[in-house]
Amino acid sequence: MCTRTRAALRPIARPARQIATVLLLAGLFAGAPAAALPAPRLRALLKTARVVVSGEVTAVKSYDDDRVAVIDFTADRVLKGSLPGTPPFRLALVELHEGPSRPALTPGTRGLAFLRPASRTSYLAKVLPSGTYYEILPDYGSFASAPSKGPADGQAVLAARVVRAVSGQGIEPAAARALTFDLLTADNPLLLEDAAAGLADLHNPKLSAEELRVLRAALLRTDPRDRVRVAVIEAVAKGGVRDAIPTLQSINEPPAVAEAAWKALDQLGAGPAEKSLDADLASPDPGIRAAAVRELLRRDGAAAVSQVAPVAIQDPDLTVRRAAVDALGALGKPEGLAPLERVFADSPTDLQQATARAIVAIGGQPAIDTCTRLAFTAPPDAQRYAVLVLMTMNDPRKQEALARIAETHPDEQIRDLVTKGFQYHEH
């Protein structure tokens, strides 16, 4: 081996102080929290779109018996890409009116548009005048509408901040946090959902007075769809934002949102007030009653069966009774069998089937005993069904109960059902 090769393979000697300095710096950088990039949906749209503009629909012209329309869009701000000329820019957007699509845009609609060059298919080349056309991305939120110019301008400012963050300029944790709370004030559901993503990733869940004011206002808004409101509530729980507990305790409708708030309170270690849930069990809204049943059993377990039992047995709305039955089955505790036995004995077919599934879900000897009693004491049709349910149980202890039914049941057809099985007669 030549001298040069041996020298190259020889480890390089470094002063101990230099090595220690390198290790210290590495530890500092490894321990520093990386700045979270907020607004995941907005970032994804920005990445996919060739051009992103803020502006207003000024006119819509239909072609080919309204199968396709050209939207005249005046853009006063370009957030991504470049357009020829000077603002305001006038763009032609193609909109196909067939198959699933977003609501058609109408003159006066303002918002953020995430665009790509329109496909020049033979069909579009045939029906549209020659020109440069764009189309809105097919993704959810690719046109973020706003009710008026002020909110539209605010959306553009928020989007511009995200553009800067994803264009290599980065964003500090404090700026990312500020952007999250600014997104909470947006009218558009896309931006609200992006705010939820930021809430779930807060490094410090303790809020300032202004942050709490913004979050409280966002949680109490009733204009977003339930899905969006639930996303914000779930993010509060995931982020451990205990400052939001009093606001969450005040949410009691609509059902899906109230139930999400109750779940969030459980995760944050604070449940809804007992008085609140008692009132919700008597709510005139069936959805609220059903949600309250699920929350009581989720929170208090078998101790809540006495409160849920009357709902399962006699609520005037079958969907609420079904919710109570399903929740008792999901609880999986023998304490739930007594009300389920009463429901099974006197219910319409659909509810009876749901009750049977709940009894089987609880399982064990108590469920076998329940079905055995029903086989003797329920109305005749329900007796037969109880035997069938017992026969399907995956528990060898059922054989003793079935033998007793086969020997002592007063109905010959039920005895035959046990000994001969279900007989299907073709007519």
Protein backbone atom coordinates (compact mmCIF):
# COMPACT_ATOMS: atom_id res chain seq x y z
CA MET A 1 0.00 0.00 0.00
CA CYS A 2 1.42 3.35 -0.93
CA THR A 3 2.20 6.05 1.61
CA ARG A 4 -0.58 8.33 0.29
CA THR A 5 -3.20 5.56 0.67
CA ARG A 6 -2.15 4.75 4.22
CA ALA A 7 -2.36 8.41 5.11
CA ALA A 8 -5.85 8.67 3.65
CA LEU A 9 -7.07 5.71 5.75
CA ARG A 10 -5.53 7.06 8.94
CA PRO A 11 -8.18 8.70 11.29
CA ILE A 12 -7.93 12.45 11.44
CA ALA A 13 -6.85 13.71 14.82
CA ARG A 14 -8.97 16.57 16.16
CA PRO A 15 -8.38 18.59 19.29
CA ALA A 16 -10.61 17.48 22.18
CA ARG A 17 -11.98 21.03 22.56
CA GLN A 18 -13.08 21.07 18.89
CA ILE A 19 -14.88 17.73 19.22
CA ALA A 20 -16.66 18.88 22.36
CA THR A 21 -17.77 22.06 20.63
CA VAL A 22 -19.21 20.12 17.68
CA LEU A 23 -21.10 17.77 19.98
CA LEU A 24 -22.47 20.66 22.03
CA LEU A 25 -23.75 22.46 18.95
CA ALA A 26 -25.28 19.25 17.60
CA GLY A 27 -27.12 18.76 20.88
CA LEU A 28 -28.42 22.30 20.82
CA PHE A 29 -29.77 22.00 17.30
CA ALA A 30 -31.23 18.54 17.92
CA GLY A 31 -33.05 19.75 21.01
CA ALA A 32 -34.53 22.88 19.49
CA PRO A 33 -38.18 22.41 18.47
CA ALA A 34 -38.69 22.68 14.75
CA ALA A 35 -41.10 25.33 13.64
CA ALA A 36 -44.35 23.61 12.73
CA LEU A 37 -45.72 24.34 9.30
CA PRO A 38 -49.38 25.23 9.76
CA ALA A 39 -52.31 25.01 7.31
CA PRO A 40 -51.77 21.55 5.77
CA ARG A 41 -54.69 21.72 3.32
CA LEU A 42 -53.73 25.18 2.16
CA ARG A 43 -50.13 24.07 1.73
CA ALA A 44 -51.22 21.07 -0.35
CA LEU A 45 -53.34 23.25 -2.62
CA LEU A 46 -50.52 25.74 -2.99
CA LYS A 47 -48.15 22.96 -3.94
CA THR A 48 -50.49 21.55 -6.61
CA ALA A 49 -51.78 24.77 -8.16
CA ARG A 50 -49.89 26.47 -10.97
CA VAL A 51 -51.55 29.81 -10.27
CA VAL A 52 -53.23 31.07 -7.10
CA VAL A 53 -55.21 34.30 -7.25
CA SER A 54 -57.61 36.31 -5.16
CA GLY A 55 -60.44 38.13 -6.84
CA GLU A 56 -64.07 38.15 -7.98
CA VAL A 57 -66.30 36.41 -10.51
CA THR A 58 -67.53 39.12 -12.87
CA ALA A 59 -69.49 37.12 -15.47
CA VAL A 60 -70.49 33.58 -16.44
CA LYS A 61 -71.23 32.47 -19.99
CA SER A 62 -72.65 29.04 -20.81
CA TYR A 63 -71.88 26.88 -23.82
CA ASP A 64 -73.30 23.66 -25.28
CA ASP A 65 -76.68 23.83 -23.50
CA ASP A 66 -74.99 24.72 -20.19
CA ARG A 67 -72.75 21.64 -20.20
CA VAL A 68 -69.77 23.92 -19.85
CA ALA A 69 -69.33 27.51 -18.70
CA VAL A 70 -66.59 30.09 -18.93
CA ILE A 71 -66.19 32.19 -15.81
CA ASP A 72 -64.70 35.64 -16.13
CA PHE A 73 -62.58 36.11 -13.03
CA THR A 74 -60.92 39.41 -12.16
CA ALA A 75 -57.85 38.83 -10.00
CA ASP A 76 -56.54 41.72 -7.97
CA ARG A 77 -53.79 39.69 -6.31
CA VAL A 78 -51.53 36.87 -7.51
CA LEU A 79 -50.20 34.69 -4.71
CA LYS A 80 -48.44 32.09 -6.82
CA GLY A 81 -47.38 31.97 -10.44
CA SER A 82 -47.27 34.83 -12.90
CA LEU A 83 -49.78 36.37 -15.28
CA PRO A 84 -49.13 38.64 -18.27
CA GLY A 85 -49.91 42.32 -17.92
CA THR A 86 -50.67 44.32 -14.82
CA PRO A 87 -53.43 43.97 -12.22
CA PRO A 88 -56.31 43.65 -12.26
CA PHE A 89 -55.86 40.43 -14.25
CA ARG A 90 -58.73 38.95 -16.21
CA LEU A 91 -58.81 35.17 -16.42
CA ALA A 92 -61.15 32.74 -18.14
CA LEU A 93 -61.98 29.71 -15.99
CA VAL A 94 -63.60 26.63 -17.49
CA GLU A 95 -66.32 24.92 -15.45
CA LEU A 96 -67.93 21.64 -16.55
CA HIS A 97 -71.53 21.12 -15.45
CA GLU A 98 -71.72 17.35 -15.32
CA GLY A 99 -70.88 14.80 -12.68
CA PRO A 100 -70.09 15.70 -9.06
CA SER A 101 -68.70 19.20 -8.68
CA ARG A 102 -68.63 22.15 -6.32
CA PRO A 103 -71.55 24.61 -6.42
CA ALA A 104 -71.46 26.69 -9.60
CA LEU A 105 -69.77 30.07 -9.27
CA THR A 106 -71.94 33.11 -9.87
CA PRO A 107 -71.15 36.77 -10.58
CA GLY A 108 -70.14 38.62 -7.45
CA THR A 109 -68.56 35.58 -5.76
CA ARG A 110 -65.22 36.47 -4.20
CA GLY A 111 -62.46 34.23 -2.97
CA LEU A 112 -59.17 32.44 -3.46
CA ALA A 113 -58.87 30.34 -6.61
CA PHE A 114 -56.31 27.54 -6.93
CA LEU A 115 -55.84 27.04 -10.67
CA ARG A 116 -54.11 24.99 -13.31
CA PRO A 117 -54.15 25.37 -17.10
CA ALA A 118 -57.35 23.87 -18.50
CA SER A 119 -57.08 20.64 -20.43
CA ARG A 120 -57.54 21.35 -24.13
CA THR A 121 -59.68 18.35 -24.95
CA SER A 122 -61.23 17.99 -28.36
CA TYR A 123 -64.62 18.66 -26.80
CA LEU A 124 -63.54 21.98 -25.24
CA ALA A 125 -61.69 22.97 -28.41
CA LYS A 126 -64.91 22.43 -30.31
CA VAL A 127 -67.36 24.28 -28.04
CA LEU A 128 -65.22 27.16 -26.68
CA PRO A 129 -63.69 30.12 -28.50
CA SER A 130 -59.93 29.96 -28.82
CA GLY A 131 -58.09 31.51 -25.90
CA THR A 132 -56.17 30.83 -22.69
CA TYR A 133 -58.22 29.00 -20.11
CA TYR A 134 -57.65 27.88 -16.55
CA GLU A 135 -59.61 25.48 -14.39
CA ILE A 136 -60.06 25.26 -10.65
CA LEU A 137 -58.35 22.28 -9.07
CA PRO A 138 -60.72 19.38 -8.35
CA ASP A 139 -59.57 19.15 -4.73
CA TYR A 140 -61.68 20.12 -1.73
CA GLY A 141 -61.32 23.81 -0.89
CA SER A 142 -59.79 24.78 -4.23
CA PHE A 143 -62.10 27.79 -4.36
CA ALA A 144 -62.15 29.39 -0.92
CA SER A 145 -65.10 31.72 -1.10
CA ALA A 146 -65.64 34.79 1.05
CA PRO A 147 -68.86 36.75 1.71
CA SER A 148 -67.44 40.16 0.79
CA LYS A 149 -64.28 42.03 -0.18
CA GLY A 150 -63.01 42.52 3.38
CA PRO A 151 -62.97 38.82 4.31
CA ALA A 152 -61.67 37.97 0.82
CA ASP A 153 -58.73 40.33 1.30
CA GLY A 154 -58.13 38.81 4.73
CA GLN A 155 -58.02 35.32 3.21
CA ALA A 156 -55.49 36.50 0.66
CA VAL A 157 -53.27 37.91 3.41
CA LEU A 158 -53.43 34.64 5.33
CA ALA A 159 -52.64 32.63 2.20
CA ALA A 160 -49.71 34.93 1.42
CA ARG A 161 -48.25 34.18 4.84
CA VAL A 162 -48.50 30.45 4.12
CA VAL A 163 -46.91 31.00 0.69
CA ARG A 164 -43.93 32.66 2.34
CA ALA A 165 -43.62 29.81 4.83
CA VAL A 166 -43.54 27.11 2.14
CA SER A 167 -41.37 29.00 -0.34
CA GLY A 168 -38.16 28.50 1.62
CA GLN A 169 -38.49 31.49 3.92
CA GLY A 170 -39.77 29.27 6.74
CA ILE A 171 -41.79 30.33 9.75
CA GLU A 172 -40.89 30.65 13.42
CA PRO A 173 -42.97 28.83 16.05
CA ALA A 174 -44.43 32.10 17.34
CA ALA A 175 -45.44 33.14 13.82
CA ALA A 176 -46.95 29.71 13.14
CA ARG A 177 -48.98 30.01 16.33
CA ALA A 178 -50.18 33.50 15.39
CA LEU A 179 -51.19 32.23 11.95
CA THR A 180 -53.17 29.39 13.52
CA PHE A 181 -55.25 31.79 15.59
CA ASP A 182 -55.70 34.18 12.67
CA LEU A 183 -57.01 31.26 10.59
CA LEU A 184 -59.59 30.65 13.33
CA THR A 185 -61.20 33.98 12.44
CA ALA A 186 -61.64 33.08 8.74
CA ASP A 187 -65.07 32.60 7.24
CA ASN A 188 -64.10 29.79 4.90
CA PRO A 189 -64.28 26.20 6.26
CA LEU A 190 -61.00 25.25 4.55
CA LEU A 191 -59.15 27.84 6.60
CA LEU A 192 -60.97 26.89 9.79
CA GLU A 193 -59.96 23.26 9.35
CA ASP A 194 -56.38 24.34 8.77
CA ALA A 195 -56.59 26.30 12.01
CA ALA A 196 -57.70 23.07 13.72
CA ALA A 197 -54.55 21.33 12.49
CA GLY A 198 -52.47 24.06 14.11
CA LEU A 199 -54.38 23.87 17.39
CA ALA A 200 -53.66 20.16 17.64
CA ASP A 201 -49.93 20.90 17.38
CA LEU A 202 -49.55 23.70 19.92
CA HIS A 203 -46.27 23.35 21.83
CA ASN A 204 -47.69 25.38 24.72
CA PRO A 205 -51.46 24.92 25.21
CA LYS A 206 -51.68 27.82 27.67
CA LEU A 207 -53.47 30.65 25.84
CA SER A 208 -53.12 34.38 26.06
CA ALA A 209 -56.27 36.40 26.73
CA GLU A 210 -56.54 37.33 23.05
CA GLU A 211 -55.98 33.73 21.89
CA LEU A 212 -58.67 32.55 24.28
CA ARG A 213 -61.09 35.18 22.98
CA VAL A 214 -60.47 34.08 19.38
CA LEU A 215 -60.80 30.38 20.22
CA ARG A 216 -63.98 30.90 22.23
CA ALA A 217 -65.56 32.82 19.34
CA ALA A 218 -64.56 30.06 16.90
CA LEU A 219 -65.96 27.28 19.10
CA LEU A 220 -69.28 29.06 19.54
CA ARG A 221 -69.80 29.85 15.85
CA THR A 222 -72.87 28.15 14.41
CA ASP A 223 -72.36 28.96 10.72
CA PRO A 224 -69.72 26.31 9.84
CA ARG A 225 -70.86 22.80 9.04
CA ASP A 226 -70.90 20.31 11.89
CA ARG A 227 -67.88 18.51 10.41
CA VAL A 228 -65.77 21.68 10.60
CA ARG A 229 -66.88 22.53 14.13
CA VAL A 230 -66.13 18.98 15.25
CA ALA A 231 -62.64 19.22 13.71
CA VAL A 232 -61.89 22.35 15.76
CA ILE A 233 -63.21 20.76 18.95
CA GLU A 234 -61.19 17.58 18.42
CA ALA A 235 -58.08 19.67 17.82
CA VAL A 236 -58.62 21.51 21.10
CA ALA A 237 -58.67 18.17 22.91
CA LYS A 238 -55.65 16.82 21.04
CA GLY A 239 -53.69 19.99 21.79
CA GLY A 240 -54.55 19.79 25.48
CA VAL A 241 -56.07 23.28 25.54
CA ARG A 242 -57.66 23.21 29.00
CA ASP A 243 -58.40 26.93 28.83
CA ALA A 244 -61.25 25.98 26.48
CA ILE A 245 -63.06 23.80 29.06
CA PRO A 246 -65.69 26.38 30.12
CA THR A 247 -66.55 27.08 26.48
CA LEU A 248 -66.81 23.39 25.65
CA GLN A 249 -69.12 22.88 28.63
CA SER A 250 -71.48 25.49 27.19
CA ILE A 251 -71.92 23.66 23.85
CA ASN A 252 -75.07 21.54 23.86
CA GLU A 253 -76.27 21.53 20.24
CA PRO A 254 -76.44 20.35 17.52
CA PRO A 255 -76.04 16.67 18.48
CA ALA A 256 -72.81 15.86 16.61
CA VAL A 257 -71.10 19.00 17.89
CA ALA A 258 -72.35 18.54 21.45
CA GLU A 259 -71.11 14.95 21.51
CA ALA A 260 -67.72 16.04 20.17
CA ALA A 261 -67.53 18.66 22.94
CA TRP A 262 -68.36 16.05 25.58
CA LYS A 263 -65.67 13.71 24.24
CA ALA A 264 -63.18 16.57 24.26
CA LEU A 265 -64.05 17.37 27.87
CA ASP A 266 -63.40 13.75 28.79
CA GLN A 267 -59.98 13.91 27.10
CA LEU A 268 -59.18 17.14 28.92
CA GLY A 269 -60.15 15.60 32.26
CA ALA A 270 -63.32 17.62 32.79
CA GLY A 271 -66.78 16.30 32.02
CA PRO A 272 -69.97 18.20 31.31
CA ALA A 273 -71.96 19.16 34.38
CA GLU A 274 -74.30 16.45 35.71
CA LYS A 275 -77.21 18.86 35.48
CA SER A 276 -76.40 19.50 31.84
CA LEU A 277 -76.53 15.81 30.88
CA ASP A 278 -79.71 15.23 32.87
CA ALA A 279 -81.31 18.05 30.93
CA ASP A 280 -79.96 16.66 27.65
CA LEU A 281 -81.59 13.29 28.32
CA ALA A 282 -84.91 15.17 28.35
CA SER A 283 -84.09 17.38 25.37
CA PRO A 284 -86.80 17.74 22.71
CA ASP A 285 -84.12 17.01 20.10
CA PRO A 286 -83.77 13.22 19.56
CA GLY A 287 -80.19 13.65 18.42
CA ILE A 288 -79.23 15.36 21.68
CA ARG A 289 -80.90 12.61 23.73
CA ALA A 290 -79.00 9.95 21.78
CA ALA A 291 -75.71 11.80 22.21
CA ALA A 292 -76.32 12.21 25.95
CA VAL A 293 -76.92 8.47 26.32
CA ARG A 294 -73.63 7.65 24.62
CA GLU A 295 -71.75 10.20 26.68
CA LEU A 296 -73.18 8.99 30.00
CA LEU A 297 -72.19 5.39 29.33
CA ARG A 298 -68.81 6.39 27.95
CA ARG A 299 -68.07 8.55 30.98
CA ASP A 300 -69.71 6.69 33.87
CA GLY A 301 -69.85 3.11 32.60
CA ALA A 302 -72.19 0.69 34.35
CA ALA A 303 -73.11 3.35 36.91
CA ALA A 304 -75.07 5.16 34.19
CA VAL A 305 -77.20 2.16 33.17
CA SER A 306 -80.03 3.20 35.49
CA GLN A 307 -80.23 6.58 33.71
CA VAL A 308 -80.02 5.06 30.24
CA ALA A 309 -82.47 2.18 30.82
CA PRO A 310 -85.66 4.29 30.61
CA VAL A 311 -84.45 5.80 27.35
CA ALA A 312 -83.84 2.37 25.83
CA ILE A 313 -87.21 1.06 27.00
CA GLN A 314 -89.62 3.90 26.40
CA ASP A 315 -88.19 6.88 24.50
CA PRO A 316 -90.81 7.98 21.96
CA ASP A 317 -88.22 8.07 19.16
CA LEU A 318 -87.03 4.68 17.88
CA THR A 319 -83.68 6.10 16.74
CA VAL A 320 -82.97 7.21 20.31
CA ARG A 321 -83.95 3.80 21.68
CA ARG A 322 -81.66 2.22 19.10
CA ALA A 323 -78.81 4.51 20.15
CA ALA A 324 -79.32 3.52 23.79
CA VAL A 325 -79.40 -0.19 22.89
CA ASP A 326 -76.22 0.09 20.79
CA ALA A 327 -74.47 1.99 23.58
CA LEU A 328 -75.43 -0.63 26.17
CA GLY A 329 -74.03 -3.34 23.90
CA ALA A 330 -70.84 -1.36 23.34
CA LEU A 331 -70.49 -0.95 27.11
CA GLY A 332 -70.18 -4.74 27.33
CA LYS A 333 -71.24 -4.96 30.97
CA PRO A 334 -73.79 -7.46 32.40
CA GLU A 335 -75.57 -4.55 34.10
CA GLY A 336 -76.89 -3.58 30.66
CA LEU A 337 -78.75 -6.88 30.16
CA ALA A 338 -81.80 -6.10 32.29
CA PRO A 339 -83.00 -3.16 30.15
CA LEU A 340 -82.00 -5.01 26.97
CA GLU A 341 -84.18 -7.94 28.04
CA ARG A 342 -87.18 -5.67 28.38
CA VAL A 343 -86.51 -4.01 25.02
CA PHE A 344 -86.12 -7.40 23.29
CA ALA A 345 -89.44 -8.65 24.61
CA ASP A 346 -91.49 -5.79 23.22
CA SER A 347 -89.96 -4.00 20.23
CA PRO A 348 -90.33 -3.66 16.46
CA THR A 349 -88.24 -6.08 14.42
CA ASP A 350 -85.35 -3.69 13.64
CA LEU A 351 -84.94 -2.66 17.27
CA GLN A 352 -85.26 -6.27 18.42
CA GLN A 353 -82.45 -7.29 16.08
CA ALA A 354 -80.25 -4.48 17.38
CA THR A 355 -81.03 -5.61 20.93
CA ALA A 356 -80.06 -9.18 20.07
CA ARG A 357 -76.70 -7.95 18.79
CA ALA A 358 -76.19 -5.97 21.98
CA ILE A 359 -76.94 -9.02 24.14
CA VAL A 360 -74.51 -11.15 22.14
CA ALA A 361 -71.88 -8.39 22.38
CA ILE A 362 -72.11 -8.50 26.19
CA GLY A 363 -71.95 -12.29 26.07
CA GLY A 364 -70.99 -14.75 28.78
CA GLN A 365 -73.25 -16.71 31.10
CA PRO A 366 -75.38 -13.64 31.94
CA ALA A 367 -76.28 -13.22 28.25
CA ILE A 368 -77.07 -16.94 27.96
CA ASP A 369 -79.35 -16.67 30.99
CA THR A 370 -81.06 -13.61 29.47
CA CYS A 371 -81.83 -15.41 26.21
CA THR A 372 -83.03 -18.48 28.12
CA ARG A 373 -85.51 -16.43 30.12
CA LEU A 374 -86.72 -14.71 26.97
CA ALA A 375 -87.24 -18.11 25.34
CA PHE A 376 -89.84 -18.87 28.03
CA THR A 377 -91.32 -15.48 28.96
CA ALA A 378 -91.27 -13.24 25.86
CA PRO A 379 -94.17 -13.06 23.39
CA PRO A 380 -94.28 -16.15 21.09
CA ASP A 381 -92.43 -14.63 18.12
CA ALA A 382 -89.81 -13.14 20.42
CA GLN A 383 -89.39 -16.52 22.16
CA ARG A 384 -88.48 -18.17 18.86
CA TYR A 385 -86.03 -15.39 18.01
CA ALA A 386 -84.42 -15.62 21.47
CA VAL A 387 -83.76 -19.33 20.85
CA LEU A 388 -82.17 -18.53 17.49
CA VAL A 389 -79.96 -15.91 19.13
CA LEU A 390 -78.95 -18.40 21.82
CA MET A 391 -78.10 -21.01 19.17
CA THR A 392 -75.77 -18.57 17.40
CA MET A 393 -73.77 -17.68 20.51
CA ASN A 394 -70.16 -18.82 20.39
CA ASP A 395 -70.12 -20.12 23.94
CA PRO A 396 -70.23 -23.85 24.79
CA ARG A 397 -72.19 -23.11 27.97
CA LYS A 398 -75.23 -22.47 25.80
CA GLN A 399 -75.72 -26.24 25.34
CA GLU A 400 -77.08 -26.71 28.84
CA ALA A 401 -79.64 -23.94 28.28
CA LEU A 402 -80.66 -25.35 24.90
CA ALA A 403 -81.09 -28.81 26.40
CA ARG A 404 -83.38 -27.38 29.04
CA ILE A 405 -85.45 -25.61 26.37
CA ALA A 406 -85.66 -28.80 24.28
CA GLU A 407 -86.92 -30.80 27.27
CA THR A 408 -89.24 -28.36 29.06
CA HIS A 409 -90.52 -25.70 26.67
CA PRO A 410 -94.31 -25.89 26.29
CA ASP A 411 -94.22 -25.01 22.57
CA GLU A 412 -93.53 -28.04 20.40
CA GLN A 413 -92.28 -25.89 17.50
CA ILE A 414 -89.62 -24.28 19.72
CA ARG A 415 -88.59 -27.70 21.03
CA ASP A 416 -88.25 -28.86 17.42
CA LEU A 417 -86.26 -25.74 16.58
CA VAL A 418 -83.67 -26.73 19.18
CA THR A 419 -83.53 -30.43 18.31
CA LYS A 420 -83.94 -30.28 14.53
CA GLY A 421 -82.66 -26.82 13.70
CA PHE A 422 -84.23 -24.15 11.51
CA GLN A 423 -86.35 -25.72 8.76
CA TYR A 424 -86.85 -23.83 5.50
CA HIS A 425 -89.88 -24.90 3.51
CA GLU A 426 -89.90 -23.97 -0.17
CA HIS A 427 -93.35 -23.34 -1.64
